[in-house]
Amino acid sequence: MKIVSFDALRTLHLPNVHYIKPENMFGHLDVIREADWVLFPEYWQLNALVHGLKKRIFPSLASYMIGHDKVEMTRTFMTIIPMNHPYTEICANTPYEAERIWDTMPTPFVAKIPRSSMGNGVFLIDNPVQWRDYTEKSPVIYAQEYLPIDRDLRIVWVGNEVVGGYWRLQAEQGFYNNVSQGGKVEVALIPKEALDLVEYVATSLGIDHGGFDVAMVGSIPYLIEFNRIFGNQGVRDLQQSADIGIMKYLTENLPNDFIENQAI
């Protein structure tokens, strides 16, 4: 199996991978054409690889398209799991819409800046000053129901299965559960309801690599978002499990002509 990777760090422990710097792609087109899989391209490479060279990429095109923007992701979740996603308002950032959202959303509520990650661009809004500061920063308004939780789940999905997960406990300053923002990791039992929700969403949308953030409110799981590229800080062997899952998935999803040639 011939594999090309555009992310040396993400594929460091995968066997027989040919690494190419993304910016050098056009100097290695022959190698890319011969590859059975192309791993972790950058977003700007997708059209050339998928539509130009007709390459099989990992993560999947759906993982990139849905995971690229919180607005598009949220609209997708609102379509397929409306009862398992926090109530969210997305609209143009105009004075009229800003006033309407402030008048209708119960406080506190959460406001986010699209295309942010690791807890950056996420704000807890409880007064008009905070709301004004947010609207001056974000290109669109993204206002979301605040869930009464002090922890959430990170569930790691690779290929077509869950390969691991953990709880993220709230940081000392409150609100943020992200490890990068001071949240603490706790390895404990993951509720079946959360696992079932992630499996349904990932398989329904064709996502094959993602860190899914799920909040439990009582026995009801709420999918907040997923990250196509995610960290596994503080959890022993989780990256190894992800690597094994990637290789298993790539091997099981090779084209039929490759399998037939190997059997000859």
C-alpha atoms as a PDB file:
ATOM      1  CA  MET A   1       0.000   0.000   0.000  1.00  0.00           C
ATOM      2  CA  LYS A   2       1.425   3.352  -1.079  1.00  0.00           C
ATOM      3  CA  ILE A   3       0.624   6.221   1.262  1.00  0.00           C
ATOM      4  CA  VAL A   4       1.434   9.913   0.926  1.00  0.00           C
ATOM      5  CA  SER A   5       1.104  12.200   3.953  1.00  0.00           C
ATOM      6  CA  PHE A   6       1.018  15.983   4.068  1.00  0.00           C
ATOM      7  CA  ASP A   7       1.226  16.054   7.881  1.00  0.00           C
ATOM      8  CA  ALA A   8       4.427  14.569   9.296  1.00  0.00           C
ATOM      9  CA  LEU A   9       3.328  14.902  12.933  1.00  0.00           C
ATOM     10  CA  ARG A  10      -0.053  13.234  12.463  1.00  0.00           C
ATOM     11  CA  THR A  11       1.461  10.258  10.612  1.00  0.00           C
ATOM     12  CA  LEU A  12       4.751   9.980  12.506  1.00  0.00           C
ATOM     13  CA  HIS A  13       4.061   6.459  13.757  1.00  0.00           C
ATOM     14  CA  LEU A  14       2.365   5.062  10.653  1.00  0.00           C
ATOM     15  CA  PRO A  15       4.421   2.576   8.592  1.00  0.00           C
ATOM     16  CA  ASN A  16       5.610   3.121   5.003  1.00  0.00           C
ATOM     17  CA  VAL A  17       4.369   6.677   4.638  1.00  0.00           C
ATOM     18  CA  HIS A  18       5.954   9.091   2.141  1.00  0.00           C
ATOM     19  CA  TYR A  19       5.852  12.593   3.586  1.00  0.00           C
ATOM     20  CA  ILE A  20       5.583  15.630   1.296  1.00  0.00           C
ATOM     21  CA  LYS A  21       5.434  19.215   2.479  1.00  0.00           C
ATOM     22  CA  PRO A  22       2.110  20.676   1.334  1.00  0.00           C
ATOM     23  CA  GLU A  23       3.779  23.600  -0.432  1.00  0.00           C
ATOM     24  CA  ASN A  24       5.881  21.103  -2.464  1.00  0.00           C
ATOM     25  CA  MET A  25       2.868  19.193  -3.763  1.00  0.00           C
ATOM     26  CA  PHE A  26       3.276  20.245  -7.395  1.00  0.00           C
ATOM     27  CA  GLY A  27       6.843  18.976  -7.488  1.00  0.00           C
ATOM     28  CA  HIS A  28       5.716  15.461  -6.509  1.00  0.00           C
ATOM     29  CA  LEU A  29       2.613  14.892  -8.639  1.00  0.00           C
ATOM     30  CA  ASP A  30       3.889  11.561  -9.994  1.00  0.00           C
ATOM     31  CA  VAL A  31       4.315  10.188  -6.461  1.00  0.00           C
ATOM     32  CA  ILE A  32       0.853  11.435  -5.493  1.00  0.00           C
ATOM     33  CA  ARG A  33      -0.734   9.882  -8.599  1.00  0.00           C
ATOM     34  CA  GLU A  34       0.715   6.490  -7.621  1.00  0.00           C
ATOM     35  CA  ALA A  35      -0.508   6.679  -4.029  1.00  0.00           C
ATOM     36  CA  ASP A  36      -3.373   4.501  -2.802  1.00  0.00           C
ATOM     37  CA  TRP A  37      -4.145   7.035  -0.065  1.00  0.00           C
ATOM     38  CA  VAL A  38      -3.318  10.685   0.595  1.00  0.00           C
ATOM     39  CA  LEU A  39      -3.387  11.578   4.283  1.00  0.00           C
ATOM     40  CA  PHE A  40      -4.101  14.868   6.031  1.00  0.00           C
ATOM     41  CA  PRO A  41      -3.899  17.342   3.158  1.00  0.00           C
ATOM     42  CA  GLU A  42      -4.468  20.990   3.925  1.00  0.00           C
ATOM     43  CA  TYR A  43      -7.830  22.510   3.057  1.00  0.00           C
ATOM     44  CA  TRP A  44      -6.454  24.429   0.043  1.00  0.00           C
ATOM     45  CA  GLN A  45      -5.275  21.155  -1.520  1.00  0.00           C
ATOM     46  CA  LEU A  46      -8.648  19.410  -1.585  1.00  0.00           C
ATOM     47  CA  ASN A  47      -9.943  20.426  -5.002  1.00  0.00           C
ATOM     48  CA  ALA A  48      -6.659  19.549  -6.721  1.00  0.00           C
ATOM     49  CA  LEU A  49      -6.376  16.176  -4.985  1.00  0.00           C
ATOM     50  CA  VAL A  50      -9.989  15.018  -4.969  1.00  0.00           C
ATOM     51  CA  HIS A  51     -11.360  16.501  -8.177  1.00  0.00           C
ATOM     52  CA  GLY A  52      -8.135  17.009 -10.134  1.00  0.00           C
ATOM     53  CA  LEU A  53      -6.176  13.846  -9.347  1.00  0.00           C
ATOM     54  CA  LYS A  54      -9.175  11.756  -8.173  1.00  0.00           C
ATOM     55  CA  LYS A  55      -7.284  10.690  -5.049  1.00  0.00           C
ATOM     56  CA  ARG A  56      -8.658   8.912  -2.013  1.00  0.00           C
ATOM     57  CA  ILE A  57      -8.042  11.189   0.960  1.00  0.00           C
ATOM     58  CA  PHE A  58      -8.105  10.693   4.703  1.00  0.00           C
ATOM     59  CA  PRO A  59      -9.802  12.276   6.569  1.00  0.00           C
ATOM     60  CA  SER A  60     -12.776  12.154   4.235  1.00  0.00           C
ATOM     61  CA  LEU A  61     -14.002  15.089   2.189  1.00  0.00           C
ATOM     62  CA  ALA A  62     -17.078  15.263   4.456  1.00  0.00           C
ATOM     63  CA  SER A  63     -14.803  15.538   7.506  1.00  0.00           C
ATOM     64  CA  TYR A  64     -13.129  18.569   5.929  1.00  0.00           C
ATOM     65  CA  MET A  65     -16.229  20.287   4.572  1.00  0.00           C
ATOM     66  CA  ILE A  66     -18.369  19.952   7.689  1.00  0.00           C
ATOM     67  CA  GLY A  67     -15.522  20.473  10.153  1.00  0.00           C
ATOM     68  CA  HIS A  68     -14.125  23.589   8.486  1.00  0.00           C
ATOM     69  CA  ASP A  69     -16.644  26.094   9.822  1.00  0.00           C
ATOM     70  CA  LYS A  70     -18.765  26.124  12.994  1.00  0.00           C
ATOM     71  CA  VAL A  71     -21.657  27.732  11.132  1.00  0.00           C
ATOM     72  CA  GLU A  72     -21.846  24.993   8.503  1.00  0.00           C
ATOM     73  CA  MET A  73     -21.307  22.316  11.126  1.00  0.00           C
ATOM     74  CA  THR A  74     -24.084  23.652  13.333  1.00  0.00           C
ATOM     75  CA  ARG A  75     -26.544  23.877  10.454  1.00  0.00           C
ATOM     76  CA  THR A  76     -25.785  20.236   9.651  1.00  0.00           C
ATOM     77  CA  PHE A  77     -26.367  19.162  13.253  1.00  0.00           C
ATOM     78  CA  MET A  78     -29.575  21.196  13.405  1.00  0.00           C
ATOM     79  CA  THR A  79     -30.760  19.196  10.388  1.00  0.00           C
ATOM     80  CA  ILE A  80     -30.007  15.640  11.511  1.00  0.00           C
ATOM     81  CA  ILE A  81     -30.005  15.805  15.355  1.00  0.00           C
ATOM     82  CA  PRO A  82     -32.129  18.838  16.310  1.00  0.00           C
ATOM     83  CA  MET A  83     -32.953  17.384  19.742  1.00  0.00           C
ATOM     84  CA  ASN A  84     -29.315  16.609  20.562  1.00  0.00           C
ATOM     85  CA  HIS A  85     -27.706  19.946  19.754  1.00  0.00           C
ATOM     86  CA  PRO A  86     -27.987  23.098  21.880  1.00  0.00           C
ATOM     87  CA  TYR A  87     -30.450  25.691  20.576  1.00  0.00           C
ATOM     88  CA  THR A  88     -28.457  28.036  18.347  1.00  0.00           C
ATOM     89  CA  GLU A  89     -29.096  31.296  16.499  1.00  0.00           C
ATOM     90  CA  ILE A  90     -26.913  32.113  13.477  1.00  0.00           C
ATOM     91  CA  CYS A  91     -27.443  35.392  11.654  1.00  0.00           C
ATOM     92  CA  ALA A  92     -25.780  38.399  10.063  1.00  0.00           C
ATOM     93  CA  ASN A  93     -23.923  40.675  12.449  1.00  0.00           C
ATOM     94  CA  THR A  94     -26.100  43.757  12.129  1.00  0.00           C
ATOM     95  CA  PRO A  95     -27.356  46.137  14.834  1.00  0.00           C
ATOM     96  CA  TYR A  96     -30.908  44.833  14.331  1.00  0.00           C
ATOM     97  CA  GLU A  97     -29.930  41.171  14.705  1.00  0.00           C
ATOM     98  CA  ALA A  98     -27.626  41.905  17.642  1.00  0.00           C
ATOM     99  CA  GLU A  99     -30.478  43.609  19.485  1.00  0.00           C
ATOM    100  CA  ARG A 100     -32.926  40.838  18.585  1.00  0.00           C
ATOM    101  CA  ILE A 101     -30.619  38.109  19.876  1.00  0.00           C
ATOM    102  CA  TRP A 102     -29.920  40.000  23.096  1.00  0.00           C
ATOM    103  CA  ASP A 103     -33.666  40.461  23.677  1.00  0.00           C
ATOM    104  CA  THR A 104     -34.577  36.817  22.997  1.00  0.00           C
ATOM    105  CA  MET A 105     -31.693  34.626  24.251  1.00  0.00           C
ATOM    106  CA  PRO A 106     -31.876  33.761  27.967  1.00  0.00           C
ATOM    107  CA  THR A 107     -28.718  34.759  29.819  1.00  0.00           C
ATOM    108  CA  PRO A 108     -26.175  33.479  30.270  1.00  0.00           C
ATOM    109  CA  PHE A 109     -25.639  32.162  26.764  1.00  0.00           C
ATOM    110  CA  VAL A 110     -22.612  31.184  24.701  1.00  0.00           C
ATOM    111  CA  ALA A 111     -21.297  33.163  21.729  1.00  0.00           C
ATOM    112  CA  LYS A 112     -18.713  31.818  19.315  1.00  0.00           C
ATOM    113  CA  ILE A 113     -16.509  33.083  16.519  1.00  0.00           C
ATOM    114  CA  PRO A 114     -16.619  30.667  13.555  1.00  0.00           C
ATOM    115  CA  ARG A 115     -13.404  28.900  12.519  1.00  0.00           C
ATOM    116  CA  SER A 116     -11.915  29.026  15.992  1.00  0.00           C
ATOM    117  CA  SER A 117     -10.731  26.025  17.995  1.00  0.00           C
ATOM    118  CA  MET A 118      -9.173  24.871  21.283  1.00  0.00           C
ATOM    119  CA  GLY A 119     -11.623  27.000  23.250  1.00  0.00           C
ATOM    120  CA  ASN A 120     -10.532  30.211  21.551  1.00  0.00           C
ATOM    121  CA  GLY A 121     -13.295  32.435  20.223  1.00  0.00           C
ATOM    122  CA  VAL A 122     -15.833  31.125  22.743  1.00  0.00           C
ATOM    123  CA  PHE A 123     -17.461  33.556  25.183  1.00  0.00           C
ATOM    124  CA  LEU A 124     -19.957  33.305  28.030  1.00  0.00           C
ATOM    125  CA  ILE A 125     -22.333  36.255  27.654  1.00  0.00           C
ATOM    126  CA  ASP A 126     -24.103  37.565  30.746  1.00  0.00           C
ATOM    127  CA  ASN A 127     -24.406  41.325  30.240  1.00  0.00           C
ATOM    128  CA  PRO A 128     -24.696  43.944  27.450  1.00  0.00           C
ATOM    129  CA  VAL A 129     -21.030  44.937  27.675  1.00  0.00           C
ATOM    130  CA  GLN A 130     -19.873  41.390  27.011  1.00  0.00           C
ATOM    131  CA  TRP A 131     -22.367  41.128  24.143  1.00  0.00           C
ATOM    132  CA  ARG A 132     -21.142  44.344  22.542  1.00  0.00           C
ATOM    133  CA  ASP A 133     -17.525  43.227  22.848  1.00  0.00           C
ATOM    134  CA  TYR A 134     -18.372  39.960  21.113  1.00  0.00           C
ATOM    135  CA  THR A 135     -20.289  41.568  18.245  1.00  0.00           C
ATOM    136  CA  GLU A 136     -17.295  43.818  17.582  1.00  0.00           C
ATOM    137  CA  LYS A 137     -15.079  40.737  17.109  1.00  0.00           C
ATOM    138  CA  SER A 138     -17.156  38.252  15.150  1.00  0.00           C
ATOM    139  CA  PRO A 139     -18.014  38.447  11.418  1.00  0.00           C
ATOM    140  CA  VAL A 140     -21.374  36.754  12.082  1.00  0.00           C
ATOM    141  CA  ILE A 141     -23.519  36.241  15.150  1.00  0.00           C
ATOM    142  CA  TYR A 142     -23.392  32.743  16.599  1.00  0.00           C
ATOM    143  CA  ALA A 143     -25.362  32.556  19.855  1.00  0.00           C
ATOM    144  CA  GLN A 144     -25.964  29.245  21.578  1.00  0.00           C
ATOM    145  CA  GLU A 145     -27.912  27.957  24.552  1.00  0.00           C
ATOM    146  CA  TYR A 146     -25.808  27.563  27.706  1.00  0.00           C
ATOM    147  CA  LEU A 147     -25.878  24.031  29.077  1.00  0.00           C
ATOM    148  CA  PRO A 148     -25.679  23.606  32.888  1.00  0.00           C
ATOM    149  CA  ILE A 149     -22.583  21.366  32.987  1.00  0.00           C
ATOM    150  CA  ASP A 150     -19.193  21.349  34.686  1.00  0.00           C
ATOM    151  CA  ARG A 151     -17.646  18.743  32.347  1.00  0.00           C
ATOM    152  CA  ASP A 152     -18.041  17.285  28.908  1.00  0.00           C
ATOM    153  CA  LEU A 153     -16.780  14.369  26.845  1.00  0.00           C
ATOM    154  CA  ARG A 154     -14.208  14.125  24.091  1.00  0.00           C
ATOM    155  CA  ILE A 155     -14.949  11.016  22.034  1.00  0.00           C
ATOM    156  CA  VAL A 156     -12.411  10.051  19.379  1.00  0.00           C
ATOM    157  CA  TRP A 157     -13.775   8.527  16.194  1.00  0.00           C
ATOM    158  CA  VAL A 158     -11.418   6.998  13.626  1.00  0.00           C
ATOM    159  CA  GLY A 159     -12.495   5.171  10.475  1.00  0.00           C
ATOM    160  CA  ASN A 160     -15.830   3.722  11.401  1.00  0.00           C
ATOM    161  CA  GLU A 161     -15.551   3.265  15.158  1.00  0.00           C
ATOM    162  CA  VAL A 162     -14.824   4.911  18.494  1.00  0.00           C
ATOM    163  CA  VAL A 163     -11.184   4.328  19.472  1.00  0.00           C
ATOM    164  CA  GLY A 164     -11.237   6.137  22.813  1.00  0.00           C
ATOM    165  CA  GLY A 165     -12.535   8.987  24.874  1.00  0.00           C
ATOM    166  CA  TYR A 166     -12.376  10.831  28.155  1.00  0.00           C
ATOM    167  CA  TRP A 167     -14.103  13.403  30.325  1.00  0.00           C
ATOM    168  CA  ARG A 168     -12.900  17.011  30.368  1.00  0.00           C
ATOM    169  CA  LEU A 169     -13.469  18.704  33.724  1.00  0.00           C
ATOM    170  CA  GLN A 170     -14.027  22.440  33.906  1.00  0.00           C
ATOM    171  CA  ALA A 171     -10.998  24.717  34.306  1.00  0.00           C
ATOM    172  CA  GLU A 172     -10.436  26.509  37.605  1.00  0.00           C
ATOM    173  CA  GLN A 173     -11.625  29.818  36.115  1.00  0.00           C
ATOM    174  CA  GLY A 174     -14.883  28.109  35.125  1.00  0.00           C
ATOM    175  CA  PHE A 175     -16.795  27.666  31.853  1.00  0.00           C
ATOM    176  CA  TYR A 176     -13.986  26.190  29.704  1.00  0.00           C
ATOM    177  CA  ASN A 177     -13.551  22.417  29.554  1.00  0.00           C
ATOM    178  CA  ASN A 178     -10.890  22.397  26.820  1.00  0.00           C
ATOM    179  CA  VAL A 179      -7.560  20.982  28.002  1.00  0.00           C
ATOM    180  CA  SER A 180      -5.797  23.843  26.186  1.00  0.00           C
ATOM    181  CA  GLN A 181      -7.794  26.292  28.360  1.00  0.00           C
ATOM    182  CA  GLY A 182      -6.970  24.600  31.666  1.00  0.00           C
ATOM    183  CA  GLY A 183      -9.557  21.816  31.681  1.00  0.00           C
ATOM    184  CA  LYS A 184      -8.597  18.562  33.411  1.00  0.00           C
ATOM    185  CA  VAL A 185      -8.706  15.076  31.921  1.00  0.00           C
ATOM    186  CA  GLU A 186     -10.498  12.232  33.675  1.00  0.00           C
ATOM    187  CA  VAL A 187     -10.639   8.731  32.237  1.00  0.00           C
ATOM    188  CA  ALA A 188     -13.940   7.174  33.283  1.00  0.00           C
ATOM    189  CA  LEU A 189     -16.938   5.343  31.883  1.00  0.00           C
ATOM    190  CA  ILE A 190     -18.441   6.978  28.791  1.00  0.00           C
ATOM    191  CA  PRO A 191     -22.252   6.836  28.668  1.00  0.00           C
ATOM    192  CA  LYS A 192     -23.685   4.620  25.938  1.00  0.00           C
ATOM    193  CA  GLU A 193     -26.040   7.433  24.899  1.00  0.00           C
ATOM    194  CA  ALA A 194     -23.028   9.589  23.994  1.00  0.00           C
ATOM    195  CA  LEU A 195     -21.318   6.777  22.095  1.00  0.00           C
ATOM    196  CA  ASP A 196     -24.485   5.999  20.154  1.00  0.00           C
ATOM    197  CA  LEU A 197     -24.930   9.666  19.208  1.00  0.00           C
ATOM    198  CA  VAL A 198     -21.372   9.973  17.903  1.00  0.00           C
ATOM    199  CA  GLU A 199     -21.715   6.765  15.912  1.00  0.00           C
ATOM    200  CA  TYR A 200     -24.977   7.933  14.354  1.00  0.00           C
ATOM    201  CA  VAL A 201     -23.632  11.362  13.377  1.00  0.00           C
ATOM    202  CA  ALA A 202     -20.280  10.125  12.072  1.00  0.00           C
ATOM    203  CA  THR A 203     -21.739   7.332   9.966  1.00  0.00           C
ATOM    204  CA  SER A 204     -24.639   9.468   8.710  1.00  0.00           C
ATOM    205  CA  LEU A 205     -22.305  12.240   7.537  1.00  0.00           C
ATOM    206  CA  GLY A 206     -19.353  10.158   6.358  1.00  0.00           C
ATOM    207  CA  ILE A 207     -16.933  11.538   8.949  1.00  0.00           C
ATOM    208  CA  ASP A 208     -13.961   9.200   9.447  1.00  0.00           C
ATOM    209  CA  HIS A 209     -11.676  11.207  11.746  1.00  0.00           C
ATOM    210  CA  GLY A 210     -12.881  13.494  14.496  1.00  0.00           C
ATOM    211  CA  GLY A 211     -12.796  14.442  18.129  1.00  0.00           C
ATOM    212  CA  PHE A 212     -16.466  14.820  19.110  1.00  0.00           C
ATOM    213  CA  ASP A 213     -17.383  17.056  22.048  1.00  0.00           C
ATOM    214  CA  VAL A 214     -20.496  15.810  23.829  1.00  0.00           C
ATOM    215  CA  ALA A 215     -22.210  17.246  26.905  1.00  0.00           C
ATOM    216  CA  MET A 216     -24.442  15.112  29.106  1.00  0.00           C
ATOM    217  CA  VAL A 217     -27.440  16.892  30.631  1.00  0.00           C
ATOM    218  CA  GLY A 218     -28.931  14.174  32.771  1.00  0.00           C
ATOM    219  CA  SER A 219     -29.159  11.185  30.439  1.00  0.00           C
ATOM    220  CA  ILE A 220     -29.470  13.291  27.279  1.00  0.00           C
ATOM    221  CA  PRO A 221     -26.332  13.733  25.134  1.00  0.00           C
ATOM    222  CA  TYR A 222     -25.794  17.038  23.312  1.00  0.00           C
ATOM    223  CA  LEU A 223     -23.263  17.167  20.509  1.00  0.00           C
ATOM    224  CA  ILE A 224     -21.509  20.535  20.702  1.00  0.00           C
ATOM    225  CA  GLU A 225     -19.065  20.171  17.813  1.00  0.00           C
ATOM    226  CA  PHE A 226     -16.397  17.964  16.329  1.00  0.00           C
ATOM    227  CA  ASN A 227     -12.812  18.745  15.397  1.00  0.00           C
ATOM    228  CA  ARG A 228     -11.250  17.123  12.346  1.00  0.00           C
ATOM    229  CA  ILE A 229      -7.808  17.740  13.874  1.00  0.00           C
ATOM    230  CA  PHE A 230      -7.703  17.203  17.612  1.00  0.00           C
ATOM    231  CA  GLY A 231      -5.244  16.668  20.436  1.00  0.00           C
ATOM    232  CA  ASN A 232      -4.988  13.687  22.742  1.00  0.00           C
ATOM    233  CA  GLN A 233      -3.200  15.417  25.606  1.00  0.00           C
ATOM    234  CA  GLY A 234      -3.019  13.604  28.891  1.00  0.00           C
ATOM    235  CA  VAL A 235      -4.545  10.294  27.806  1.00  0.00           C
ATOM    236  CA  ARG A 236      -2.121   7.395  27.704  1.00  0.00           C
ATOM    237  CA  ASP A 237      -2.116   5.266  24.536  1.00  0.00           C
ATOM    238  CA  LEU A 238      -4.961   7.198  22.878  1.00  0.00           C
ATOM    239  CA  GLN A 239      -2.741   8.392  20.008  1.00  0.00           C
ATOM    240  CA  GLN A 240      -1.537   4.819  19.516  1.00  0.00           C
ATOM    241  CA  SER A 241      -5.155   3.638  19.357  1.00  0.00           C
ATOM    242  CA  ALA A 242      -5.893   6.340  16.783  1.00  0.00           C
ATOM    243  CA  ASP A 243      -2.872   5.280  14.677  1.00  0.00           C
ATOM    244  CA  ILE A 244      -3.958   1.651  14.761  1.00  0.00           C
ATOM    245  CA  GLY A 245      -7.488   2.701  13.806  1.00  0.00           C
ATOM    246  CA  ILE A 246      -6.218   4.728  10.850  1.00  0.00           C
ATOM    247  CA  MET A 247      -4.160   1.857   9.440  1.00  0.00           C
ATOM    248  CA  LYS A 248      -7.012  -0.586   9.940  1.00  0.00           C
ATOM    249  CA  TYR A 249      -9.419   1.719   8.115  1.00  0.00           C
ATOM    250  CA  LEU A 250      -7.027   2.438   5.241  1.00  0.00           C
ATOM    251  CA  THR A 251      -6.362  -1.273   4.741  1.00  0.00           C
ATOM    252  CA  GLU A 252     -10.031  -2.251   4.869  1.00  0.00           C
ATOM    253  CA  ASN A 253     -11.020   0.440   2.368  1.00  0.00           C
ATOM    254  CA  LEU A 254      -8.476  -0.135  -0.376  1.00  0.00           C
ATOM    255  CA  PRO A 255      -9.846  -0.218  -3.938  1.00  0.00           C
ATOM    256  CA  ASN A 256     -10.814  -3.649  -5.253  1.00  0.00           C
ATOM    257  CA  ASP A 257      -8.185  -3.586  -8.006  1.00  0.00           C
ATOM    258  CA  PHE A 258      -5.416  -3.192  -5.391  1.00  0.00           C
ATOM    259  CA  ILE A 259      -6.708  -6.190  -3.431  1.00  0.00           C
ATOM    260  CA  GLU A 260      -6.962  -8.290  -6.607  1.00  0.00           C
ATOM    261  CA  ASN A 261      -3.408  -7.391  -7.631  1.00  0.00           C
ATOM    262  CA  GLN A 262      -2.070  -8.361  -4.205  1.00  0.00           C
ATOM    263  CA  ALA A 263      -3.738 -11.761  -4.481  1.00  0.00           C
ATOM    264  CA  ILE A 264      -2.076 -12.577  -7.830  1.00  0.00           C
END
